[in-house]
Amino acid sequence: MTPEAIRPWLTAKQVATRYEVGIATIWRWARDREDFPKPKKLGDNCTRWRLADLEQWEDKREAA
């Protein structure tokens, strides 16, 4: 099983690492870009991105 299969939810730091940008950039994309996946609140202090949503966004960008 791949690490992605075990952890289908990513932190802002993990998303930033995936795209080689800063964490602030990820939050800015989530706030300002309509095409970038929005994070989900999983608890009071727990906000994550679904890996499947990010992969779908990547696929759309590659097709464009």
Protein backbone atom coordinates (compact mmCIF):
# COMPACT_ATOMS: atom_id res chain seq x y z
CA MET A 1 0.00 0.00 0.00
CA THR A 2 1.37 3.44 -0.92
CA PRO A 3 1.70 6.22 1.69
CA GLU A 4 -0.98 8.15 -0.23
CA ALA A 5 -3.42 5.27 0.21
CA ILE A 6 -2.76 5.29 3.94
CA ARG A 7 -3.01 9.09 4.24
CA PRO A 8 -5.68 10.38 1.90
CA TRP A 9 -5.72 13.75 3.73
CA LEU A 10 -2.80 16.19 3.51
CA THR A 11 -1.77 19.10 5.73
CA ALA A 12 -0.95 22.52 4.28
CA LYS A 13 2.74 21.70 4.80
CA GLN A 14 2.41 18.45 2.84
CA VAL A 15 0.54 20.22 0.03
CA ALA A 16 3.21 22.93 -0.08
CA THR A 17 5.91 20.27 -0.29
CA ARG A 18 4.01 18.48 -3.07
CA TYR A 19 3.96 21.65 -5.20
CA GLU A 20 7.31 23.04 -4.01
CA VAL A 21 5.83 26.31 -2.77
CA GLY A 22 5.48 27.95 0.62
CA ILE A 23 2.64 27.20 3.01
CA ALA A 24 1.37 30.78 2.65
CA THR A 25 1.06 30.19 -1.10
CA ILE A 26 -1.18 27.16 -0.50
CA TRP A 27 -3.49 29.18 1.73
CA ARG A 28 -3.51 32.02 -0.82
CA TRP A 29 -4.39 29.58 -3.63
CA ALA A 30 -7.19 28.12 -1.49
CA ARG A 31 -8.51 31.62 -0.83
CA ASP A 32 -8.05 33.27 -4.24
CA ARG A 33 -8.07 30.59 -6.93
CA GLU A 34 -11.44 29.19 -7.83
CA ASP A 35 -9.89 26.11 -9.47
CA PHE A 36 -7.72 25.07 -6.50
CA PRO A 37 -9.33 22.55 -4.13
CA LYS A 38 -10.67 23.98 -0.90
CA PRO A 39 -9.52 22.39 2.34
CA LYS A 40 -11.97 20.59 4.61
CA LYS A 41 -12.29 21.15 8.34
CA LEU A 42 -12.00 17.78 10.05
CA GLY A 43 -12.15 19.17 13.57
CA ASP A 44 -11.70 22.34 15.58
CA ASN A 45 -8.00 22.67 14.75
CA CYS A 46 -7.70 20.24 11.87
CA THR A 47 -7.90 21.42 8.26
CA ARG A 48 -6.79 19.11 5.46
CA TRP A 49 -6.88 18.68 1.69
CA ARG A 50 -8.15 15.44 0.20
CA LEU A 51 -5.44 13.84 -1.90
CA ALA A 52 -8.05 12.80 -4.49
CA ASP A 53 -9.15 16.45 -4.91
CA LEU A 54 -5.55 17.55 -5.46
CA GLU A 55 -4.93 14.78 -7.99
CA GLN A 56 -8.09 15.77 -9.87
CA TRP A 57 -6.88 19.40 -9.95
CA GLU A 58 -3.50 18.23 -11.27
CA ASP A 59 -5.18 16.18 -14.01
CA LYS A 60 -7.23 19.20 -15.12
CA ARG A 61 -4.09 21.36 -15.26
CA GLU A 62 -2.23 18.77 -17.32
CA ALA A 63 -5.13 18.53 -19.79
CA ALA A 64 -5.23 22.32 -20.30
